[in-house]
Amino acid sequence: MDFPPMIVSAHQPYFAPFPGYFYKAHLSDVFVLLDAVQFPRGTTWISRNRFKNDQGTLWMTIPVQKKGLGLQRIDQVRICHDGRWERKHMESLRVAYRHAPYLEDHDELLEGLFDADRLIDLNLRIFRYIMDRLSIRTQVVRLSELGVTARGPALLPAAARELGASRFLAHAPAGKFLNPALFEAAGIELSFFQYPSPVYPQLWGEFIPNLSVLDLIFNCGADKARKILFGKRLSKNNFMPVGP
């Protein structure tokens, strides 16, 4: 008897990720949050993302504590609460989306959103909220819970093998960072997909793709967002094998 492949994918825990992040989770049986890898030194999607206001792209960055701390794992990074940025960020969001039809439906998320002590807690709160609203039932595992000791290119094959994966799914642009031979040695098929980046009703003029998923759910609501993102789910035959 042929059993369907067990698909694993992985991603760093981004701040308010773009819709394609959840599309990948939707295509997977297990989604691994890479919380136990190094927090990047420069700008990173883990602590910033794009929204939209009447001026166009609205960048929002979460300040974090770095000085004197050296290299940190993502799950160790603490939010810097100096100043009044939390209030300014929330005001910026509410002003930018004040005319969005579904903003008030998500007051539960926005209430005290920036109060978390650690960045991972903020990002996980948003991630879990969106997963629930989009009815994504994929199993979510944190890398820190797996006990995988491999590093570098060997990390993802090792994590996938630990979870019993038969296939590892990656976004096509990530192919240049992956070593197919390591997946083959682990007995795991490496496949790629391309996020379709759908156009949806958006405030403030010309459409801007790949903003935070919050832009999508504020403008369209959760039910319509599910249809926009998952209306045509890829079958296993639609994945691109081995190379992007």
C-alpha atoms as a PDB file:
ATOM      1  CA  MET A   1       0.000   0.000   0.000  1.00  0.00           C
ATOM      2  CA  ASP A   2       1.279   3.472  -0.910  1.00  0.00           C
ATOM      3  CA  PHE A   3       1.010   6.037   1.857  1.00  0.00           C
ATOM      4  CA  PRO A   4       0.897   9.794   1.191  1.00  0.00           C
ATOM      5  CA  PRO A   5       4.173  11.610   1.864  1.00  0.00           C
ATOM      6  CA  MET A   6       4.669  13.217   5.252  1.00  0.00           C
ATOM      7  CA  ILE A   7       5.571  16.800   4.372  1.00  0.00           C
ATOM      8  CA  VAL A   8       7.696  18.934   6.691  1.00  0.00           C
ATOM      9  CA  SER A   9       8.620  22.567   6.144  1.00  0.00           C
ATOM     10  CA  ALA A  10      10.410  25.119   8.314  1.00  0.00           C
ATOM     11  CA  HIS A  11      10.858  28.842   8.741  1.00  0.00           C
ATOM     12  CA  GLN A  12      12.254  31.363  11.185  1.00  0.00           C
ATOM     13  CA  PRO A  13       9.536  32.911  13.382  1.00  0.00           C
ATOM     14  CA  TYR A  14       8.903  36.142  11.482  1.00  0.00           C
ATOM     15  CA  PHE A  15       7.108  39.176  12.866  1.00  0.00           C
ATOM     16  CA  ALA A  16       3.588  39.371  11.362  1.00  0.00           C
ATOM     17  CA  PRO A  17       4.667  37.334   8.299  1.00  0.00           C
ATOM     18  CA  PHE A  18       3.555  37.760   4.700  1.00  0.00           C
ATOM     19  CA  PRO A  19       0.701  35.515   3.452  1.00  0.00           C
ATOM     20  CA  GLY A  20       3.045  33.077   1.688  1.00  0.00           C
ATOM     21  CA  TYR A  21       4.398  32.034   5.092  1.00  0.00           C
ATOM     22  CA  PHE A  22       0.978  30.616   5.967  1.00  0.00           C
ATOM     23  CA  TYR A  23       0.530  29.147   2.502  1.00  0.00           C
ATOM     24  CA  LYS A  24       3.613  27.016   3.157  1.00  0.00           C
ATOM     25  CA  ALA A  25       2.295  25.980   6.561  1.00  0.00           C
ATOM     26  CA  HIS A  26      -1.000  25.031   4.916  1.00  0.00           C
ATOM     27  CA  LEU A  27       0.781  22.754   2.432  1.00  0.00           C
ATOM     28  CA  SER A  28       2.671  20.942   5.207  1.00  0.00           C
ATOM     29  CA  ASP A  29       1.878  18.206   7.692  1.00  0.00           C
ATOM     30  CA  VAL A  30       4.405  19.606  10.175  1.00  0.00           C
ATOM     31  CA  PHE A  31       5.723  23.172  10.259  1.00  0.00           C
ATOM     32  CA  VAL A  32       8.949  23.759  12.207  1.00  0.00           C
ATOM     33  CA  LEU A  33       9.575  27.168  13.748  1.00  0.00           C
ATOM     34  CA  LEU A  34      13.335  27.727  13.728  1.00  0.00           C
ATOM     35  CA  ASP A  35      13.491  29.471  17.090  1.00  0.00           C
ATOM     36  CA  ALA A  36      16.823  27.956  18.189  1.00  0.00           C
ATOM     37  CA  VAL A  37      18.997  29.407  15.415  1.00  0.00           C
ATOM     38  CA  GLN A  38      21.054  32.594  15.580  1.00  0.00           C
ATOM     39  CA  PHE A  39      19.261  35.926  15.513  1.00  0.00           C
ATOM     40  CA  PRO A  40      20.678  37.886  12.545  1.00  0.00           C
ATOM     41  CA  ARG A  41      22.894  40.873  13.258  1.00  0.00           C
ATOM     42  CA  GLY A  42      21.402  43.128  10.590  1.00  0.00           C
ATOM     43  CA  THR A  43      17.852  43.954   9.588  1.00  0.00           C
ATOM     44  CA  THR A  44      15.597  40.935   9.602  1.00  0.00           C
ATOM     45  CA  TRP A  45      11.999  39.920   9.010  1.00  0.00           C
ATOM     46  CA  ILE A  46      12.065  38.416  12.496  1.00  0.00           C
ATOM     47  CA  SER A  47      11.710  41.907  13.965  1.00  0.00           C
ATOM     48  CA  ARG A  48      10.234  44.009  11.146  1.00  0.00           C
ATOM     49  CA  ASN A  49       7.638  43.897   8.413  1.00  0.00           C
ATOM     50  CA  ARG A  50       5.656  45.989   5.959  1.00  0.00           C
ATOM     51  CA  PHE A  51       2.130  47.302   6.236  1.00  0.00           C
ATOM     52  CA  LYS A  52       0.358  50.002   4.215  1.00  0.00           C
ATOM     53  CA  ASN A  53      -0.927  53.504   4.901  1.00  0.00           C
ATOM     54  CA  ASP A  54      -1.912  56.559   2.879  1.00  0.00           C
ATOM     55  CA  GLN A  55       1.772  57.166   2.051  1.00  0.00           C
ATOM     56  CA  GLY A  56       2.313  53.654   0.685  1.00  0.00           C
ATOM     57  CA  THR A  57       4.547  51.102   2.419  1.00  0.00           C
ATOM     58  CA  LEU A  58       4.594  51.396   6.211  1.00  0.00           C
ATOM     59  CA  TRP A  59       7.641  49.742   7.764  1.00  0.00           C
ATOM     60  CA  MET A  60       7.289  48.636  11.369  1.00  0.00           C
ATOM     61  CA  THR A  61      10.293  47.471  13.413  1.00  0.00           C
ATOM     62  CA  ILE A  62      10.266  45.951  16.903  1.00  0.00           C
ATOM     63  CA  PRO A  63      13.292  47.270  18.849  1.00  0.00           C
ATOM     64  CA  VAL A  64      15.266  44.530  20.588  1.00  0.00           C
ATOM     65  CA  GLN A  65      18.052  44.371  23.154  1.00  0.00           C
ATOM     66  CA  LYS A  66      21.428  43.717  21.527  1.00  0.00           C
ATOM     67  CA  LYS A  67      24.102  45.842  23.200  1.00  0.00           C
ATOM     68  CA  GLY A  68      26.683  43.771  25.045  1.00  0.00           C
ATOM     69  CA  LEU A  69      24.775  40.531  24.487  1.00  0.00           C
ATOM     70  CA  GLY A  70      26.823  39.087  21.625  1.00  0.00           C
ATOM     71  CA  LEU A  71      25.272  36.340  19.537  1.00  0.00           C
ATOM     72  CA  GLN A  72      21.783  35.354  20.620  1.00  0.00           C
ATOM     73  CA  ARG A  73      19.383  32.617  19.636  1.00  0.00           C
ATOM     74  CA  ILE A  74      16.073  33.875  18.317  1.00  0.00           C
ATOM     75  CA  ASP A  75      14.228  32.524  21.344  1.00  0.00           C
ATOM     76  CA  GLN A  76      16.543  34.481  23.673  1.00  0.00           C
ATOM     77  CA  VAL A  77      16.007  37.935  22.159  1.00  0.00           C
ATOM     78  CA  ARG A  78      14.203  40.398  24.405  1.00  0.00           C
ATOM     79  CA  ILE A  79      12.157  43.358  23.269  1.00  0.00           C
ATOM     80  CA  CYS A  80      13.483  46.788  24.248  1.00  0.00           C
ATOM     81  CA  HIS A  81      10.621  48.680  25.876  1.00  0.00           C
ATOM     82  CA  ASP A  82      12.442  52.001  26.263  1.00  0.00           C
ATOM     83  CA  GLY A  83      10.535  54.998  24.968  1.00  0.00           C
ATOM     84  CA  ARG A  84       6.926  55.001  23.812  1.00  0.00           C
ATOM     85  CA  TRP A  85       7.235  53.081  20.573  1.00  0.00           C
ATOM     86  CA  GLU A  86       4.502  50.570  21.516  1.00  0.00           C
ATOM     87  CA  ARG A  87       1.865  53.290  21.587  1.00  0.00           C
ATOM     88  CA  LYS A  88       3.176  54.843  18.370  1.00  0.00           C
ATOM     89  CA  HIS A  89       3.186  51.493  16.575  1.00  0.00           C
ATOM     90  CA  MET A  90      -0.384  50.755  17.619  1.00  0.00           C
ATOM     91  CA  GLU A  91      -1.550  54.218  16.620  1.00  0.00           C
ATOM     92  CA  SER A  92       0.158  53.786  13.250  1.00  0.00           C
ATOM     93  CA  LEU A  93      -1.620  50.466  12.680  1.00  0.00           C
ATOM     94  CA  ARG A  94      -5.028  51.739  13.725  1.00  0.00           C
ATOM     95  CA  VAL A  95      -4.737  54.914  11.649  1.00  0.00           C
ATOM     96  CA  ALA A  96      -3.466  53.008   8.607  1.00  0.00           C
ATOM     97  CA  TYR A  97      -6.340  50.519   8.762  1.00  0.00           C
ATOM     98  CA  ARG A  98      -9.100  52.693  10.216  1.00  0.00           C
ATOM     99  CA  HIS A  99     -11.142  52.236   7.034  1.00  0.00           C
ATOM    100  CA  ALA A 100     -10.417  48.508   6.702  1.00  0.00           C
ATOM    101  CA  PRO A 101     -13.727  46.589   6.857  1.00  0.00           C
ATOM    102  CA  TYR A 102     -12.500  43.935   9.287  1.00  0.00           C
ATOM    103  CA  LEU A 103     -10.120  45.790  11.598  1.00  0.00           C
ATOM    104  CA  GLU A 104     -12.480  45.693  14.579  1.00  0.00           C
ATOM    105  CA  ASP A 105     -12.884  41.932  14.214  1.00  0.00           C
ATOM    106  CA  HIS A 106      -9.295  41.573  15.387  1.00  0.00           C
ATOM    107  CA  ASP A 107      -9.271  43.750  18.504  1.00  0.00           C
ATOM    108  CA  GLU A 108      -8.500  40.562  20.442  1.00  0.00           C
ATOM    109  CA  LEU A 109      -5.128  40.395  18.703  1.00  0.00           C
ATOM    110  CA  LEU A 110      -4.331  44.094  18.889  1.00  0.00           C
ATOM    111  CA  GLU A 111      -5.086  44.496  22.591  1.00  0.00           C
ATOM    112  CA  GLY A 112      -1.716  44.579  24.393  1.00  0.00           C
ATOM    113  CA  LEU A 113      -0.009  43.247  21.271  1.00  0.00           C
ATOM    114  CA  PHE A 114       3.404  44.764  21.999  1.00  0.00           C
ATOM    115  CA  ASP A 115       3.528  43.963  25.734  1.00  0.00           C
ATOM    116  CA  ALA A 116       5.569  40.759  25.386  1.00  0.00           C
ATOM    117  CA  ASP A 117       8.994  40.538  27.031  1.00  0.00           C
ATOM    118  CA  ARG A 118      10.575  38.327  24.358  1.00  0.00           C
ATOM    119  CA  LEU A 119      10.360  38.769  20.618  1.00  0.00           C
ATOM    120  CA  ILE A 120       9.517  35.093  20.135  1.00  0.00           C
ATOM    121  CA  ASP A 121       6.418  35.514  22.316  1.00  0.00           C
ATOM    122  CA  LEU A 122       5.165  38.442  20.243  1.00  0.00           C
ATOM    123  CA  ASN A 123       5.776  36.604  16.987  1.00  0.00           C
ATOM    124  CA  LEU A 124       4.197  33.380  18.228  1.00  0.00           C
ATOM    125  CA  ARG A 125       1.114  35.237  19.422  1.00  0.00           C
ATOM    126  CA  ILE A 126       0.536  36.665  15.946  1.00  0.00           C
ATOM    127  CA  PHE A 127       1.440  33.376  14.242  1.00  0.00           C
ATOM    128  CA  ARG A 128      -0.934  31.267  16.354  1.00  0.00           C
ATOM    129  CA  TYR A 129      -3.719  33.800  15.987  1.00  0.00           C
ATOM    130  CA  ILE A 130      -3.470  33.794  12.188  1.00  0.00           C
ATOM    131  CA  MET A 131      -3.153  29.994  12.034  1.00  0.00           C
ATOM    132  CA  ASP A 132      -6.383  29.744  14.021  1.00  0.00           C
ATOM    133  CA  ARG A 133      -8.252  32.370  11.994  1.00  0.00           C
ATOM    134  CA  LEU A 134      -7.207  30.753   8.713  1.00  0.00           C
ATOM    135  CA  SER A 135      -8.166  27.303  10.070  1.00  0.00           C
ATOM    136  CA  ILE A 136      -4.725  25.850   9.353  1.00  0.00           C
ATOM    137  CA  ARG A 137      -4.523  22.543  11.251  1.00  0.00           C
ATOM    138  CA  THR A 138      -0.888  21.791  10.482  1.00  0.00           C
ATOM    139  CA  GLN A 139       1.127  20.508  13.447  1.00  0.00           C
ATOM    140  CA  VAL A 140       3.539  23.194  14.655  1.00  0.00           C
ATOM    141  CA  VAL A 141       6.832  22.256  16.332  1.00  0.00           C
ATOM    142  CA  ARG A 142       9.549  24.529  17.682  1.00  0.00           C
ATOM    143  CA  LEU A 143      13.109  23.552  16.809  1.00  0.00           C
ATOM    144  CA  SER A 144      14.069  24.105  20.448  1.00  0.00           C
ATOM    145  CA  GLU A 145      11.759  21.210  21.365  1.00  0.00           C
ATOM    146  CA  LEU A 146      13.335  18.692  18.993  1.00  0.00           C
ATOM    147  CA  GLY A 147      16.782  18.297  20.514  1.00  0.00           C
ATOM    148  CA  VAL A 148      18.439  18.347  17.088  1.00  0.00           C
ATOM    149  CA  THR A 149      22.162  19.157  17.410  1.00  0.00           C
ATOM    150  CA  ALA A 150      23.034  19.510  13.710  1.00  0.00           C
ATOM    151  CA  ARG A 151      23.932  22.974  12.459  1.00  0.00           C
ATOM    152  CA  GLY A 152      24.390  24.743   9.151  1.00  0.00           C
ATOM    153  CA  PRO A 153      23.197  22.940   6.004  1.00  0.00           C
ATOM    154  CA  ALA A 154      22.694  19.721   7.992  1.00  0.00           C
ATOM    155  CA  LEU A 155      20.110  21.263  10.338  1.00  0.00           C
ATOM    156  CA  LEU A 156      16.992  21.051   8.191  1.00  0.00           C
ATOM    157  CA  PRO A 157      17.582  17.491   6.933  1.00  0.00           C
ATOM    158  CA  ALA A 158      18.223  16.403  10.530  1.00  0.00           C
ATOM    159  CA  ALA A 159      15.067  18.096  11.820  1.00  0.00           C
ATOM    160  CA  ALA A 160      12.981  16.607   9.019  1.00  0.00           C
ATOM    161  CA  ARG A 161      14.388  13.131   9.679  1.00  0.00           C
ATOM    162  CA  GLU A 162      13.710  13.502  13.419  1.00  0.00           C
ATOM    163  CA  LEU A 163      10.069  14.178  12.569  1.00  0.00           C
ATOM    164  CA  GLY A 164       9.809  11.204  10.210  1.00  0.00           C
ATOM    165  CA  ALA A 165       9.407  13.289   7.060  1.00  0.00           C
ATOM    166  CA  SER A 166       9.366  11.727   3.627  1.00  0.00           C
ATOM    167  CA  ARG A 167       9.398  15.135   1.933  1.00  0.00           C
ATOM    168  CA  PHE A 168      10.813  18.542   2.860  1.00  0.00           C
ATOM    169  CA  LEU A 169       9.037  21.488   1.268  1.00  0.00           C
ATOM    170  CA  ALA A 170      10.752  24.837   0.675  1.00  0.00           C
ATOM    171  CA  HIS A 171       9.861  28.078  -1.063  1.00  0.00           C
ATOM    172  CA  ALA A 172      11.620  28.112  -4.439  1.00  0.00           C
ATOM    173  CA  PRO A 173      13.953  31.084  -3.709  1.00  0.00           C
ATOM    174  CA  ALA A 174      15.364  29.169  -0.711  1.00  0.00           C
ATOM    175  CA  GLY A 175      16.847  26.528  -3.001  1.00  0.00           C
ATOM    176  CA  LYS A 176      20.227  28.257  -3.167  1.00  0.00           C
ATOM    177  CA  PHE A 177      20.620  27.791   0.599  1.00  0.00           C
ATOM    178  CA  LEU A 178      19.816  24.064   0.676  1.00  0.00           C
ATOM    179  CA  ASN A 179      22.000  21.045  -0.090  1.00  0.00           C
ATOM    180  CA  PRO A 180      19.958  18.398  -1.951  1.00  0.00           C
ATOM    181  CA  ALA A 181      22.589  15.721  -1.271  1.00  0.00           C
ATOM    182  CA  LEU A 182      22.043  16.005   2.481  1.00  0.00           C
ATOM    183  CA  PHE A 183      18.303  15.455   2.103  1.00  0.00           C
ATOM    184  CA  GLU A 184      18.912  12.518  -0.237  1.00  0.00           C
ATOM    185  CA  ALA A 185      21.300  10.975   2.294  1.00  0.00           C
ATOM    186  CA  ALA A 186      18.591  11.311   4.939  1.00  0.00           C
ATOM    187  CA  GLY A 187      16.073   9.573   2.686  1.00  0.00           C
ATOM    188  CA  ILE A 188      13.974  12.710   2.276  1.00  0.00           C
ATOM    189  CA  GLU A 189      12.657  14.100  -0.996  1.00  0.00           C
ATOM    190  CA  LEU A 190      13.377  17.815  -1.395  1.00  0.00           C
ATOM    191  CA  SER A 191      10.610  19.730  -3.165  1.00  0.00           C
ATOM    192  CA  PHE A 192       9.910  23.374  -3.888  1.00  0.00           C
ATOM    193  CA  PHE A 193       6.813  25.481  -4.404  1.00  0.00           C
ATOM    194  CA  GLN A 194       6.199  28.994  -5.657  1.00  0.00           C
ATOM    195  CA  TYR A 195       3.805  31.181  -3.676  1.00  0.00           C
ATOM    196  CA  PRO A 196       1.210  32.629  -6.098  1.00  0.00           C
ATOM    197  CA  SER A 197       1.031  36.073  -4.369  1.00  0.00           C
ATOM    198  CA  PRO A 198      -2.663  36.744  -5.044  1.00  0.00           C
ATOM    199  CA  VAL A 199      -4.074  40.242  -5.491  1.00  0.00           C
ATOM    200  CA  TYR A 200      -6.840  41.227  -3.053  1.00  0.00           C
ATOM    201  CA  PRO A 201      -8.806  44.387  -2.128  1.00  0.00           C
ATOM    202  CA  GLN A 202      -6.420  46.773  -0.389  1.00  0.00           C
ATOM    203  CA  LEU A 203      -6.670  50.330   0.942  1.00  0.00           C
ATOM    204  CA  TRP A 204      -4.664  53.307  -0.257  1.00  0.00           C
ATOM    205  CA  GLY A 205      -4.289  53.020  -3.998  1.00  0.00           C
ATOM    206  CA  GLU A 206      -2.116  50.708  -6.047  1.00  0.00           C
ATOM    207  CA  PHE A 207      -1.783  47.155  -4.754  1.00  0.00           C
ATOM    208  CA  ILE A 208       1.452  46.290  -2.923  1.00  0.00           C
ATOM    209  CA  PRO A 209       2.210  42.537  -2.809  1.00  0.00           C
ATOM    210  CA  ASN A 210       3.584  40.502   0.086  1.00  0.00           C
ATOM    211  CA  LEU A 211       2.752  42.861   2.920  1.00  0.00           C
ATOM    212  CA  SER A 212       2.120  41.438   6.384  1.00  0.00           C
ATOM    213  CA  VAL A 213      -0.754  38.960   6.503  1.00  0.00           C
ATOM    214  CA  LEU A 214      -2.473  41.448   8.815  1.00  0.00           C
ATOM    215  CA  ASP A 215      -3.056  43.660   5.779  1.00  0.00           C
ATOM    216  CA  LEU A 216      -4.946  40.781   4.180  1.00  0.00           C
ATOM    217  CA  ILE A 217      -7.163  39.905   7.134  1.00  0.00           C
ATOM    218  CA  PHE A 218      -7.901  43.535   8.058  1.00  0.00           C
ATOM    219  CA  ASN A 219      -9.019  44.245   4.492  1.00  0.00           C
ATOM    220  CA  CYS A 220     -10.711  40.971   3.599  1.00  0.00           C
ATOM    221  CA  GLY A 221     -11.577  39.170   6.823  1.00  0.00           C
ATOM    222  CA  ALA A 222     -10.551  35.645   7.748  1.00  0.00           C
ATOM    223  CA  ASP A 223     -13.141  33.778   5.661  1.00  0.00           C
ATOM    224  CA  LYS A 224     -12.319  35.564   2.422  1.00  0.00           C
ATOM    225  CA  ALA A 225      -8.583  35.419   3.214  1.00  0.00           C
ATOM    226  CA  ARG A 226      -8.798  31.611   3.389  1.00  0.00           C
ATOM    227  CA  LYS A 227     -10.398  31.485  -0.044  1.00  0.00           C
ATOM    228  CA  ILE A 228      -7.864  33.917  -1.498  1.00  0.00           C
ATOM    229  CA  LEU A 229      -4.888  31.985  -0.129  1.00  0.00           C
ATOM    230  CA  PHE A 230      -6.046  28.387  -0.339  1.00  0.00           C
ATOM    231  CA  GLY A 231      -8.657  28.354  -3.088  1.00  0.00           C
ATOM    232  CA  LYS A 232      -6.393  26.194  -5.239  1.00  0.00           C
ATOM    233  CA  ARG A 233      -4.276  23.982  -3.035  1.00  0.00           C
ATOM    234  CA  LEU A 234      -1.248  22.447  -4.752  1.00  0.00           C
ATOM    235  CA  SER A 235      -1.311  18.684  -5.097  1.00  0.00           C
ATOM    236  CA  LYS A 236       1.810  16.620  -4.462  1.00  0.00           C
ATOM    237  CA  ASN A 237       2.312  16.454  -8.221  1.00  0.00           C
ATOM    238  CA  ASN A 238       2.591  20.229  -8.488  1.00  0.00           C
ATOM    239  CA  PHE A 239       5.724  20.541  -6.351  1.00  0.00           C
ATOM    240  CA  MET A 240       9.023  21.195  -8.089  1.00  0.00           C
ATOM    241  CA  PRO A 241      11.508  18.399  -7.293  1.00  0.00           C
ATOM    242  CA  VAL A 242      15.142  18.816  -6.235  1.00  0.00           C
ATOM    243  CA  GLY A 243      15.989  22.171  -7.789  1.00  0.00           C
ATOM    244  CA  PRO A 244      14.026  25.433  -7.851  1.00  0.00           C
END
